Amino acid sequence: MHVVFFLFIAVKMKFLLVTLLAAVASAAFAPLRTTRERIEGSYIVVLKDGESLTDAVKTLRTSPKFSSFKGRINKVYGSVLNGFSATLNEKALGFIRSMDNVKYVEEDGIARVSSVASWGLGRIDQRYLPLNHMYNPRGEFTNQAK
């Protein structure tokens, strides 16, 4: 009876330990924000507030580990956000997400607009009145005098 009880406790403790380790491991990674139409291998990395962008980029560019993972920094931002865009494979992505100074990583993606609101753009593709209040970005002009 006591053996069964101790085995039960040992299994529970092992489960608790595995759960805690998984929680700690996942908490160590910066969040990955996903998008519908992602560009394969292209990411935007945002650093935590107050972190030095110059130091982070220098550290990555001189890191043998980052280089061995074939990671590449493409564009360094500064005024818009404290971060950079990068081309990363899975290993390089994991390496960057594990850095303490990274706030989050976002997949780079394609944004599409299904329609353009008025915004006065209807006047661009029409030379003559009356305006039809429509804008055709493909250049197939309407309401043109002949």
N, C-alpha and C. Protein backbone atom coordinates (compact mmCIF):
# COMPACT_ATOMS: atom_id res chain seq x y z
N MET A 1 0.82 -1.19 0.00
CA MET A 1 0.00 0.00 0.00
C MET A 1 0.87 1.26 0.00
N HIS A 2 1.90 1.28 0.83
CA HIS A 2 2.78 2.44 0.90
C HIS A 2 3.57 2.62 -0.39
N VAL A 3 3.95 1.52 -1.03
CA VAL A 3 4.70 1.59 -2.28
C VAL A 3 3.87 2.26 -3.37
N VAL A 4 2.60 1.90 -3.45
CA VAL A 4 1.71 2.50 -4.45
C VAL A 4 1.56 4.00 -4.19
N PHE A 5 1.43 4.35 -2.94
CA PHE A 5 1.30 5.77 -2.57
C PHE A 5 2.55 6.55 -2.98
N PHE A 6 3.73 6.00 -2.70
CA PHE A 6 4.98 6.68 -3.06
C PHE A 6 5.17 6.76 -4.57
N LEU A 7 4.77 5.72 -5.28
CA LEU A 7 4.83 5.77 -6.74
C LEU A 7 3.89 6.85 -7.29
N PHE A 8 2.70 6.94 -6.69
CA PHE A 8 1.74 7.96 -7.10
C PHE A 8 2.32 9.36 -6.88
N ILE A 9 2.93 9.58 -5.73
CA ILE A 9 3.54 10.88 -5.40
C ILE A 9 4.71 11.16 -6.35
N ALA A 10 5.51 10.15 -6.65
CA ALA A 10 6.66 10.32 -7.55
C ALA A 10 6.19 10.72 -8.94
N VAL A 11 5.13 10.08 -9.44
CA VAL A 11 4.60 10.41 -10.77
C VAL A 11 4.06 11.83 -10.77
N LYS A 12 3.34 12.22 -9.73
CA LYS A 12 2.80 13.58 -9.61
C LYS A 12 3.93 14.62 -9.59
N MET A 13 4.98 14.34 -8.83
CA MET A 13 6.11 15.26 -8.73
C MET A 13 6.82 15.40 -10.07
N LYS A 14 6.97 14.27 -10.77
CA LYS A 14 7.62 14.30 -12.08
C LYS A 14 6.79 15.14 -13.05
N PHE A 15 5.47 14.95 -13.03
CA PHE A 15 4.58 15.73 -13.89
C PHE A 15 4.68 17.22 -13.57
N LEU A 16 4.69 17.54 -12.29
CA LEU A 16 4.80 18.94 -11.86
C LEU A 16 6.13 19.54 -12.30
N LEU A 17 7.20 18.81 -12.18
CA LEU A 17 8.52 19.28 -12.59
C LEU A 17 8.57 19.53 -14.09
N VAL A 18 8.06 18.61 -14.87
CA VAL A 18 8.03 18.77 -16.34
C VAL A 18 7.19 19.98 -16.72
N THR A 19 6.05 20.17 -16.08
CA THR A 19 5.19 21.32 -16.35
C THR A 19 5.88 22.63 -16.02
N LEU A 20 6.55 22.68 -14.89
CA LEU A 20 7.28 23.89 -14.49
C LEU A 20 8.43 24.19 -15.44
N LEU A 21 9.17 23.17 -15.85
CA LEU A 21 10.27 23.38 -16.79
C LEU A 21 9.76 23.88 -18.14
N ALA A 22 8.64 23.35 -18.59
CA ALA A 22 8.05 23.81 -19.85
C ALA A 22 7.61 25.26 -19.74
N ALA A 23 7.04 25.62 -18.61
CA ALA A 23 6.60 27.00 -18.41
C ALA A 23 7.78 27.96 -18.39
N VAL A 24 8.85 27.56 -17.71
CA VAL A 24 10.05 28.40 -17.65
C VAL A 24 10.67 28.53 -19.03
N ALA A 25 10.74 27.44 -19.77
CA ALA A 25 11.34 27.47 -21.10
C ALA A 25 10.54 28.35 -22.05
N SER A 26 9.22 28.27 -21.99
CA SER A 26 8.41 29.08 -22.89
C SER A 26 8.42 30.54 -22.48
N ALA A 27 8.58 30.83 -21.19
CA ALA A 27 8.64 32.21 -20.72
C ALA A 27 9.95 32.86 -21.12
N ALA A 28 10.98 32.09 -21.37
CA ALA A 28 12.28 32.63 -21.73
C ALA A 28 12.29 33.16 -23.17
N PHE A 29 11.38 32.72 -23.99
CA PHE A 29 11.33 33.15 -25.38
C PHE A 29 10.45 34.38 -25.54
N ALA A 30 10.93 35.33 -26.34
CA ALA A 30 10.10 36.49 -26.69
C ALA A 30 8.94 35.99 -27.54
N PRO A 31 7.77 36.61 -27.43
CA PRO A 31 6.62 36.16 -28.21
C PRO A 31 6.85 36.31 -29.72
N LEU A 32 6.25 35.40 -30.48
CA LEU A 32 6.29 35.46 -31.94
C LEU A 32 4.90 35.82 -32.43
N ARG A 33 4.80 36.98 -33.07
CA ARG A 33 3.51 37.42 -33.62
C ARG A 33 3.44 36.95 -35.07
N THR A 34 2.35 36.29 -35.39
CA THR A 34 2.21 35.71 -36.73
C THR A 34 1.27 36.55 -37.59
N THR A 35 1.34 36.31 -38.89
CA THR A 35 0.49 37.00 -39.85
C THR A 35 -0.04 36.00 -40.87
N ARG A 36 -1.11 36.36 -41.55
CA ARG A 36 -1.71 35.44 -42.53
C ARG A 36 -0.82 35.21 -43.74
N GLU A 37 -0.40 36.28 -44.38
CA GLU A 37 0.43 36.17 -45.58
C GLU A 37 1.86 36.53 -45.26
N ARG A 38 2.54 35.60 -44.63
CA ARG A 38 3.90 35.90 -44.20
C ARG A 38 4.89 35.75 -45.34
N ILE A 39 6.00 36.47 -45.21
CA ILE A 39 7.11 36.34 -46.15
C ILE A 39 8.09 35.37 -45.51
N GLU A 40 8.29 34.25 -46.13
CA GLU A 40 9.09 33.17 -45.57
C GLU A 40 10.48 33.65 -45.15
N GLY A 41 10.81 33.43 -43.88
CA GLY A 41 12.14 33.75 -43.37
C GLY A 41 12.39 35.22 -43.05
N SER A 42 11.38 36.06 -43.21
CA SER A 42 11.55 37.49 -42.98
C SER A 42 10.82 37.90 -41.70
N TYR A 43 11.53 38.59 -40.81
CA TYR A 43 10.98 38.93 -39.50
C TYR A 43 11.33 40.37 -39.12
N ILE A 44 10.52 40.93 -38.23
CA ILE A 44 10.80 42.23 -37.63
C ILE A 44 11.02 41.97 -36.15
N VAL A 45 12.17 42.39 -35.65
CA VAL A 45 12.55 42.16 -34.26
C VAL A 45 12.45 43.49 -33.52
N VAL A 46 11.67 43.53 -32.43
CA VAL A 46 11.49 44.74 -31.63
C VAL A 46 12.14 44.51 -30.27
N LEU A 47 13.00 45.46 -29.88
CA LEU A 47 13.69 45.37 -28.60
C LEU A 47 12.85 45.99 -27.49
N LYS A 48 13.15 45.62 -26.27
CA LYS A 48 12.46 46.16 -25.10
C LYS A 48 12.80 47.64 -24.96
N ASP A 49 11.90 48.38 -24.31
CA ASP A 49 12.12 49.80 -24.08
C ASP A 49 13.41 50.01 -23.30
N GLY A 50 14.18 50.99 -23.74
CA GLY A 50 15.42 51.32 -23.05
C GLY A 50 16.62 50.50 -23.48
N GLU A 51 16.42 49.46 -24.30
CA GLU A 51 17.54 48.65 -24.76
C GLU A 51 18.24 49.35 -25.93
N SER A 52 19.55 49.21 -25.99
CA SER A 52 20.34 49.86 -27.04
C SER A 52 20.26 49.06 -28.34
N LEU A 53 19.72 49.70 -29.35
CA LEU A 53 19.62 49.07 -30.68
C LEU A 53 21.02 48.86 -31.27
N THR A 54 21.88 49.85 -31.11
CA THR A 54 23.24 49.76 -31.64
C THR A 54 23.98 48.58 -31.03
N ASP A 55 23.88 48.42 -29.71
CA ASP A 55 24.57 47.31 -29.03
C ASP A 55 24.00 45.96 -29.47
N ALA A 56 22.69 45.87 -29.59
CA ALA A 56 22.06 44.60 -29.98
C ALA A 56 22.48 44.19 -31.40
N VAL A 57 22.47 45.15 -32.32
CA VAL A 57 22.86 44.85 -33.70
C VAL A 57 24.34 44.47 -33.77
N LYS A 58 25.18 45.20 -33.04
CA LYS A 58 26.62 44.89 -33.01
C LYS A 58 26.87 43.49 -32.45
N THR A 59 26.16 43.16 -31.37
CA THR A 59 26.30 41.83 -30.75
C THR A 59 25.94 40.74 -31.74
N LEU A 60 24.83 40.92 -32.46
CA LEU A 60 24.40 39.90 -33.42
C LEU A 60 25.36 39.80 -34.61
N ARG A 61 25.79 40.93 -35.12
CA ARG A 61 26.67 40.91 -36.30
C ARG A 61 28.03 40.31 -35.99
N THR A 62 28.47 40.36 -34.74
CA THR A 62 29.76 39.79 -34.37
C THR A 62 29.62 38.42 -33.71
N SER A 63 28.41 37.92 -33.59
CA SER A 63 28.18 36.64 -32.93
C SER A 63 28.45 35.47 -33.88
N PRO A 64 29.41 34.61 -33.55
CA PRO A 64 29.65 33.43 -34.39
C PRO A 64 28.44 32.51 -34.45
N LYS A 65 27.71 32.42 -33.34
CA LYS A 65 26.53 31.55 -33.30
C LYS A 65 25.46 32.04 -34.27
N PHE A 66 25.18 33.36 -34.23
CA PHE A 66 24.18 33.94 -35.14
C PHE A 66 24.61 33.74 -36.59
N SER A 67 25.89 33.93 -36.86
CA SER A 67 26.42 33.73 -38.22
C SER A 67 26.30 32.27 -38.65
N SER A 68 26.58 31.36 -37.73
CA SER A 68 26.50 29.93 -38.08
C SER A 68 25.06 29.50 -38.37
N PHE A 69 24.09 30.24 -37.79
CA PHE A 69 22.68 29.95 -38.06
C PHE A 69 22.20 30.62 -39.34
N LYS A 70 23.10 31.32 -40.02
CA LYS A 70 22.79 32.01 -41.29
C LYS A 70 21.78 33.15 -41.10
N GLY A 71 21.80 33.79 -39.94
CA GLY A 71 20.94 34.95 -39.70
C GLY A 71 21.53 36.19 -40.35
N ARG A 72 20.66 37.08 -40.83
CA ARG A 72 21.14 38.30 -41.48
C ARG A 72 20.25 39.48 -41.09
N ILE A 73 20.86 40.56 -40.64
CA ILE A 73 20.13 41.78 -40.33
C ILE A 73 20.03 42.60 -41.61
N ASN A 74 18.80 42.98 -41.98
CA ASN A 74 18.58 43.69 -43.24
C ASN A 74 18.50 45.20 -43.06
N LYS A 75 17.59 45.66 -42.22
CA LYS A 75 17.35 47.09 -42.04
C LYS A 75 17.26 47.38 -40.56
N VAL A 76 17.97 48.41 -40.12
CA VAL A 76 17.94 48.82 -38.72
C VAL A 76 17.06 50.05 -38.62
N TYR A 77 16.04 49.97 -37.75
CA TYR A 77 15.13 51.09 -37.54
C TYR A 77 15.59 51.84 -36.29
N GLY A 78 15.07 53.00 -36.06
CA GLY A 78 15.46 53.73 -34.87
C GLY A 78 14.40 54.72 -34.46
N SER A 79 13.88 55.46 -35.44
CA SER A 79 12.90 56.48 -35.09
C SER A 79 11.48 55.91 -35.03
N VAL A 80 11.18 54.94 -35.84
CA VAL A 80 9.83 54.37 -35.87
C VAL A 80 9.65 53.35 -34.75
N LEU A 81 10.61 52.47 -34.61
CA LEU A 81 10.58 51.47 -33.55
C LEU A 81 12.00 51.09 -33.20
N ASN A 82 12.16 50.56 -32.02
CA ASN A 82 13.48 50.17 -31.53
C ASN A 82 13.72 48.73 -31.96
N GLY A 83 14.13 48.55 -33.22
CA GLY A 83 14.31 47.20 -33.72
C GLY A 83 14.89 47.16 -35.11
N PHE A 84 14.78 45.99 -35.74
CA PHE A 84 15.38 45.78 -37.05
C PHE A 84 14.63 44.67 -37.78
N SER A 85 14.82 44.64 -39.10
CA SER A 85 14.28 43.52 -39.87
C SER A 85 15.43 42.56 -40.14
N ALA A 86 15.08 41.28 -40.25
CA ALA A 86 16.11 40.27 -40.42
C ALA A 86 15.59 39.09 -41.21
N THR A 87 16.51 38.41 -41.87
CA THR A 87 16.22 37.15 -42.53
C THR A 87 16.74 36.05 -41.61
N LEU A 88 15.83 35.17 -41.19
CA LEU A 88 16.17 34.17 -40.18
C LEU A 88 15.62 32.80 -40.55
N ASN A 89 16.42 31.76 -40.31
CA ASN A 89 15.88 30.41 -40.38
C ASN A 89 15.40 30.04 -38.97
N GLU A 90 14.95 28.83 -38.78
CA GLU A 90 14.37 28.44 -37.48
C GLU A 90 15.37 28.57 -36.33
N LYS A 91 16.62 28.16 -36.56
CA LYS A 91 17.63 28.24 -35.50
C LYS A 91 17.95 29.69 -35.14
N ALA A 92 18.12 30.53 -36.16
CA ALA A 92 18.41 31.95 -35.91
C ALA A 92 17.22 32.62 -35.22
N LEU A 93 16.01 32.25 -35.61
CA LEU A 93 14.81 32.79 -34.98
C LEU A 93 14.77 32.42 -33.49
N GLY A 94 15.04 31.18 -33.18
CA GLY A 94 15.07 30.73 -31.79
C GLY A 94 16.15 31.46 -30.99
N PHE A 95 17.31 31.66 -31.62
CA PHE A 95 18.40 32.37 -30.97
C PHE A 95 17.99 33.80 -30.62
N ILE A 96 17.37 34.50 -31.56
CA ILE A 96 16.95 35.89 -31.32
C ILE A 96 15.84 35.93 -30.28
N ARG A 97 14.88 35.01 -30.35
CA ARG A 97 13.77 35.01 -29.38
C ARG A 97 14.26 34.71 -27.96
N SER A 98 15.40 34.06 -27.83
CA SER A 98 15.93 33.75 -26.50
C SER A 98 16.75 34.89 -25.89
N MET A 99 17.00 35.94 -26.65
CA MET A 99 17.77 37.08 -26.14
C MET A 99 16.94 37.86 -25.12
N ASP A 100 17.57 38.27 -24.04
CA ASP A 100 16.88 38.99 -22.97
C ASP A 100 16.34 40.35 -23.38
N ASN A 101 16.99 41.00 -24.35
CA ASN A 101 16.60 42.36 -24.71
C ASN A 101 15.52 42.42 -25.80
N VAL A 102 15.01 41.28 -26.25
CA VAL A 102 14.00 41.25 -27.31
C VAL A 102 12.60 41.27 -26.69
N LYS A 103 11.80 42.25 -27.11
CA LYS A 103 10.42 42.39 -26.62
C LYS A 103 9.50 41.41 -27.33
N TYR A 104 9.58 41.39 -28.69
CA TYR A 104 8.82 40.43 -29.49
C TYR A 104 9.40 40.36 -30.89
N VAL A 105 9.04 39.30 -31.60
CA VAL A 105 9.42 39.10 -32.99
C VAL A 105 8.14 38.95 -33.78
N GLU A 106 8.08 39.61 -34.92
CA GLU A 106 6.87 39.56 -35.75
C GLU A 106 7.23 39.08 -37.15
N GLU A 107 6.41 38.16 -37.67
CA GLU A 107 6.62 37.73 -39.05
C GLU A 107 6.35 38.91 -39.98
N ASP A 108 7.23 39.09 -40.94
CA ASP A 108 7.00 40.11 -41.95
C ASP A 108 5.97 39.55 -42.91
N GLY A 109 5.08 40.39 -43.39
CA GLY A 109 4.01 39.89 -44.23
C GLY A 109 3.56 40.88 -45.28
N ILE A 110 2.61 40.47 -46.05
CA ILE A 110 2.03 41.29 -47.11
C ILE A 110 0.70 41.83 -46.63
N ALA A 111 0.55 43.13 -46.76
CA ALA A 111 -0.73 43.77 -46.41
C ALA A 111 -1.45 44.10 -47.71
N ARG A 112 -2.71 43.80 -47.77
CA ARG A 112 -3.51 44.07 -48.97
C ARG A 112 -4.69 44.96 -48.61
N VAL A 113 -5.05 45.79 -49.56
CA VAL A 113 -6.20 46.66 -49.41
C VAL A 113 -7.24 46.22 -50.42
N SER A 114 -8.44 45.93 -49.95
CA SER A 114 -9.47 45.46 -50.87
C SER A 114 -10.17 46.61 -51.57
N SER A 115 -10.29 47.74 -50.91
CA SER A 115 -10.89 48.90 -51.56
C SER A 115 -10.34 50.15 -50.90
N VAL A 116 -10.33 51.21 -51.65
CA VAL A 116 -9.83 52.48 -51.15
C VAL A 116 -11.02 53.38 -50.88
N ALA A 117 -11.04 53.94 -49.69
CA ALA A 117 -12.12 54.87 -49.35
C ALA A 117 -11.98 56.12 -50.21
N SER A 118 -12.94 56.93 -50.22
CA SER A 118 -12.98 58.12 -51.06
C SER A 118 -11.72 58.96 -50.93
N TRP A 119 -11.47 59.52 -49.79
CA TRP A 119 -10.31 60.34 -49.51
C TRP A 119 -10.02 61.37 -50.59
N GLY A 120 -10.97 61.60 -51.48
CA GLY A 120 -10.76 62.55 -52.56
C GLY A 120 -9.95 62.00 -53.71
N LEU A 121 -9.70 60.70 -53.71
CA LEU A 121 -8.87 60.11 -54.77
C LEU A 121 -9.61 60.02 -56.10
N GLY A 122 -10.94 60.11 -56.07
CA GLY A 122 -11.70 60.05 -57.31
C GLY A 122 -11.31 61.16 -58.28
N ARG A 123 -10.79 62.24 -57.79
CA ARG A 123 -10.39 63.36 -58.63
C ARG A 123 -9.11 63.06 -59.40
N ILE A 124 -8.30 62.12 -58.93
CA ILE A 124 -7.03 61.83 -59.58
C ILE A 124 -7.22 61.23 -60.97
N ASP A 125 -8.17 60.34 -61.13
CA ASP A 125 -8.34 59.68 -62.42
C ASP A 125 -9.46 60.31 -63.26
N GLN A 126 -9.88 61.51 -62.91
CA GLN A 126 -10.90 62.20 -63.69
C GLN A 126 -10.47 63.64 -63.95
N ARG A 127 -10.54 64.03 -65.20
CA ARG A 127 -10.17 65.41 -65.54
C ARG A 127 -11.38 66.33 -65.54
N TYR A 128 -12.53 65.76 -65.80
CA TYR A 128 -13.69 66.62 -66.01
C TYR A 128 -14.82 66.25 -65.04
N LEU A 129 -15.65 67.24 -64.78
CA LEU A 129 -16.81 67.05 -63.92
C LEU A 129 -17.94 66.44 -64.73
N PRO A 130 -18.89 65.79 -64.16
CA PRO A 130 -19.06 65.54 -62.73
C PRO A 130 -18.19 64.37 -62.29
N LEU A 131 -17.76 64.40 -61.04
CA LEU A 131 -16.97 63.32 -60.47
C LEU A 131 -17.85 62.11 -60.21
N ASN A 132 -17.30 60.93 -60.42
CA ASN A 132 -18.08 59.72 -60.12
C ASN A 132 -17.72 59.18 -58.72
N HIS A 133 -16.84 59.86 -57.99
CA HIS A 133 -16.44 59.49 -56.63
C HIS A 133 -15.88 58.08 -56.54
N MET A 134 -15.21 57.65 -57.59
CA MET A 134 -14.57 56.34 -57.62
C MET A 134 -13.13 56.53 -58.07
N TYR A 135 -12.26 55.70 -57.56
CA TYR A 135 -10.85 55.75 -57.93
C TYR A 135 -10.45 54.40 -58.46
N ASN A 136 -9.82 54.39 -59.62
CA ASN A 136 -9.36 53.14 -60.22
C ASN A 136 -7.84 53.18 -60.26
N PRO A 137 -7.16 52.44 -59.38
CA PRO A 137 -5.70 52.52 -59.31
C PRO A 137 -4.99 51.88 -60.49
N ARG A 138 -5.69 51.16 -61.34
CA ARG A 138 -5.06 50.50 -62.48
C ARG A 138 -4.92 51.42 -63.69
N GLY A 139 -5.41 52.64 -63.57
CA GLY A 139 -5.22 53.59 -64.65
C GLY A 139 -6.24 53.49 -65.75
N GLU A 140 -7.30 52.71 -65.58
CA GLU A 140 -8.36 52.64 -66.59
C GLU A 140 -9.31 53.80 -66.29
N PHE A 141 -8.96 54.95 -66.82
CA PHE A 141 -9.66 56.18 -66.47
C PHE A 141 -11.08 56.18 -67.01
N THR A 142 -11.98 56.73 -66.22
CA THR A 142 -13.36 56.84 -66.61
C THR A 142 -13.75 58.30 -66.63
N ASN A 143 -14.87 58.60 -67.29
CA ASN A 143 -15.41 59.94 -67.32
C ASN A 143 -14.43 60.94 -67.96
N GLN A 144 -13.74 60.51 -68.98
CA GLN A 144 -12.78 61.36 -69.68
C GLN A 144 -13.46 61.98 -70.90
N ALA A 145 -13.16 63.23 -71.15
CA ALA A 145 -13.70 63.91 -72.34
C ALA A 145 -13.00 63.32 -73.57
N LYS A 146 -13.77 63.23 -74.65
CA LYS A 146 -13.21 62.64 -75.86
C LYS A 146 -12.89 63.68 -76.87
